[in-house]
Protein backbone atom coordinates (compact mmCIF):
# COMPACT_ATOMS: atom_id res chain seq x y z
CA GLN A 1 -22.00 -21.95 42.69
CA VAL A 2 -21.56 -19.95 39.35
CA GLN A 3 -19.03 -16.58 40.38
CA VAL A 4 -18.15 -14.11 37.96
CA VAL A 5 -16.29 -11.06 39.22
CA GLU A 6 -14.63 -8.06 37.47
CA SER A 7 -11.82 -6.21 38.33
CA GLY A 8 -9.72 -3.10 37.52
CA GLY A 9 -12.78 0.10 37.26
CA GLY A 10 -12.22 3.28 38.36
CA LEU A 11 -11.54 6.89 37.06
CA VAL A 12 -8.90 8.27 35.19
CA GLN A 13 -8.43 11.09 33.07
CA PRO A 14 -9.06 11.77 29.38
CA GLY A 15 -6.60 9.71 27.18
CA GLY A 16 -5.80 7.70 29.82
CA SER A 17 -6.20 4.58 29.84
CA LEU A 18 -7.53 1.05 32.48
CA ARG A 19 -7.39 -2.49 32.07
CA LEU A 20 -10.59 -4.54 33.13
CA SER A 21 -10.37 -7.96 34.11
CA CYS A 22 -13.33 -10.39 34.47
CA ALA A 23 -12.99 -13.86 35.88
CA GLY A 24 -15.14 -16.68 36.15
CA SER A 25 -16.16 -20.29 37.75
CA ILE A 26 -17.65 -21.64 34.60
CA PHE A 27 -17.05 -24.77 33.27
CA SER A 28 -16.53 -24.69 29.47
CA ILE A 29 -17.08 -20.70 28.35
CA ASN A 30 -17.67 -20.33 24.77
CA ALA A 31 -17.95 -16.68 23.63
CA MET A 32 -17.08 -13.78 26.51
CA ASP A 33 -18.42 -10.14 26.14
CA TRP A 34 -17.71 -6.98 27.79
CA TYR A 35 -20.80 -5.08 27.68
CA ARG A 36 -21.45 -1.10 29.20
CA GLN A 37 -24.56 1.10 30.74
CA ALA A 38 -24.17 4.46 30.87
CA PRO A 39 -26.71 6.52 32.54
CA GLY A 40 -30.02 7.21 30.99
CA LYS A 41 -28.57 4.35 28.32
CA GLU A 42 -29.67 1.33 27.36
CA ARG A 43 -26.70 -1.64 28.48
CA GLU A 44 -24.33 -1.89 24.50
CA LEU A 45 -22.26 -4.40 23.76
CA VAL A 46 -18.74 -3.24 23.99
CA ALA A 47 -16.32 -6.30 22.31
CA ARG A 48 -16.70 -9.70 22.12
CA ILE A 49 -13.91 -12.86 21.94
CA THR A 50 -15.34 -16.03 20.47
CA SER A 51 -13.41 -19.64 22.26
CA GLY A 52 -11.53 -19.24 18.90
CA GLY A 53 -10.69 -16.07 19.31
CA SER A 54 -12.52 -14.04 16.40
CA THR A 55 -13.51 -10.59 18.05
CA ASN A 56 -15.96 -8.07 17.60
CA TYR A 57 -16.22 -4.80 18.89
CA ALA A 58 -18.61 -1.49 18.62
CA ASP A 59 -17.74 1.69 16.07
CA SER A 60 -17.17 3.49 18.83
CA VAL A 61 -14.37 1.91 20.97
CA LYS A 62 -12.87 0.55 17.70
CA GLY A 63 -8.95 0.95 17.83
CA ARG A 64 -8.81 2.20 21.18
CA PHE A 65 -10.36 -0.92 23.12
CA THR A 66 -8.83 -4.64 23.05
CA ILE A 67 -10.47 -7.29 24.41
CA SER A 68 -8.41 -10.64 25.04
CA ARG A 69 -9.01 -14.15 27.15
CA ASP A 70 -6.63 -16.62 29.01
CA ASN A 71 -8.59 -19.42 29.09
CA ALA A 72 -6.41 -21.16 31.20
CA LYS A 73 -7.86 -19.03 34.24
CA ASN A 74 -11.72 -18.46 33.14
CA THR A 75 -10.37 -15.03 32.30
CA VAL A 76 -11.12 -12.12 30.22
CA TYR A 77 -9.79 -8.91 29.54
CA LEU A 78 -10.17 -5.18 28.22
CA GLN A 79 -7.65 -3.40 27.43
CA MET A 80 -8.98 0.55 27.05
CA ASN A 81 -6.98 3.18 25.74
CA SER A 82 -7.20 6.89 24.76
CA LEU A 83 -10.58 7.09 26.97
CA LYS A 84 -12.72 9.60 26.34
CA PRO A 85 -15.88 11.25 29.11
CA GLU A 86 -18.54 9.55 26.58
CA ASP A 87 -16.88 5.83 27.48
CA THR A 88 -17.90 6.40 31.50
CA ALA A 89 -19.91 4.13 32.22
CA VAL A 90 -20.26 1.17 34.07
CA TYR A 91 -18.99 -2.44 32.58
CA TYR A 92 -20.05 -5.95 32.84
CA CYS A 93 -19.11 -9.10 31.79
CA LYS A 94 -21.04 -11.84 30.14
CA PHE A 95 -20.16 -15.24 29.33
CA SER A 96 -21.92 -17.87 27.10
CA ASP A 97 -21.42 -21.55 27.73
CA TYR A 98 -21.87 -24.04 25.49
CA GLY A 99 -25.64 -25.17 26.56
CA LEU A 100 -26.75 -21.33 25.77
CA ARG A 101 -26.80 -19.51 29.34
CA ASN A 102 -24.95 -16.73 29.91
CA TYR A 103 -23.73 -15.05 33.48
CA TRP A 104 -23.19 -11.72 34.41
CA GLY A 105 -20.76 -10.20 36.62
CA GLN A 106 -21.69 -7.70 38.91
CA GLY A 107 -20.06 -4.49 36.83
CA THR A 108 -17.49 -2.37 37.93
CA GLN A 109 -17.34 1.54 37.60
CA VAL A 110 -15.33 3.35 35.08
CA THR A 111 -15.33 7.30 35.32
CA VAL A 112 -13.58 9.21 32.53
CA SER A 113 -13.08 13.10 34.05
CA SER A 114 -10.55 15.96 34.17
C-alpha cells in the first residue's frame, strides 16, 4: 500500500522558519511537489522539483522557500524562511511517478501568527 506522509508543520511567528518533510513508499518517483490550500481558497502549487533537480516556485514564495529532495530516502523537503501570515495554509506534498500517477499526502497545517 502506497503511503505519503508529511511532517514538520506547526505554529510560527512572522519572520520565522519551518521545514516540512514528506516521505513516500513509491517506486520510481519523478516529480515532487508542494501545494498549499488556505481557507476559502483553491489549492495552489508552491514548489516543484524534478527528478533531475530542476526547481520551480510560485512567485509569492521565491527567495523565501527552498525545495530539495533525497532520492535515496524518497523524501522531499520544503525549507520555509521569512514566513508571513499569508503563508498560513494546509501544505500537501504530491509525488508523481513515471506512469503519470499522482500520490498525495494527508496535509500538514502551517500557521503563521504572532
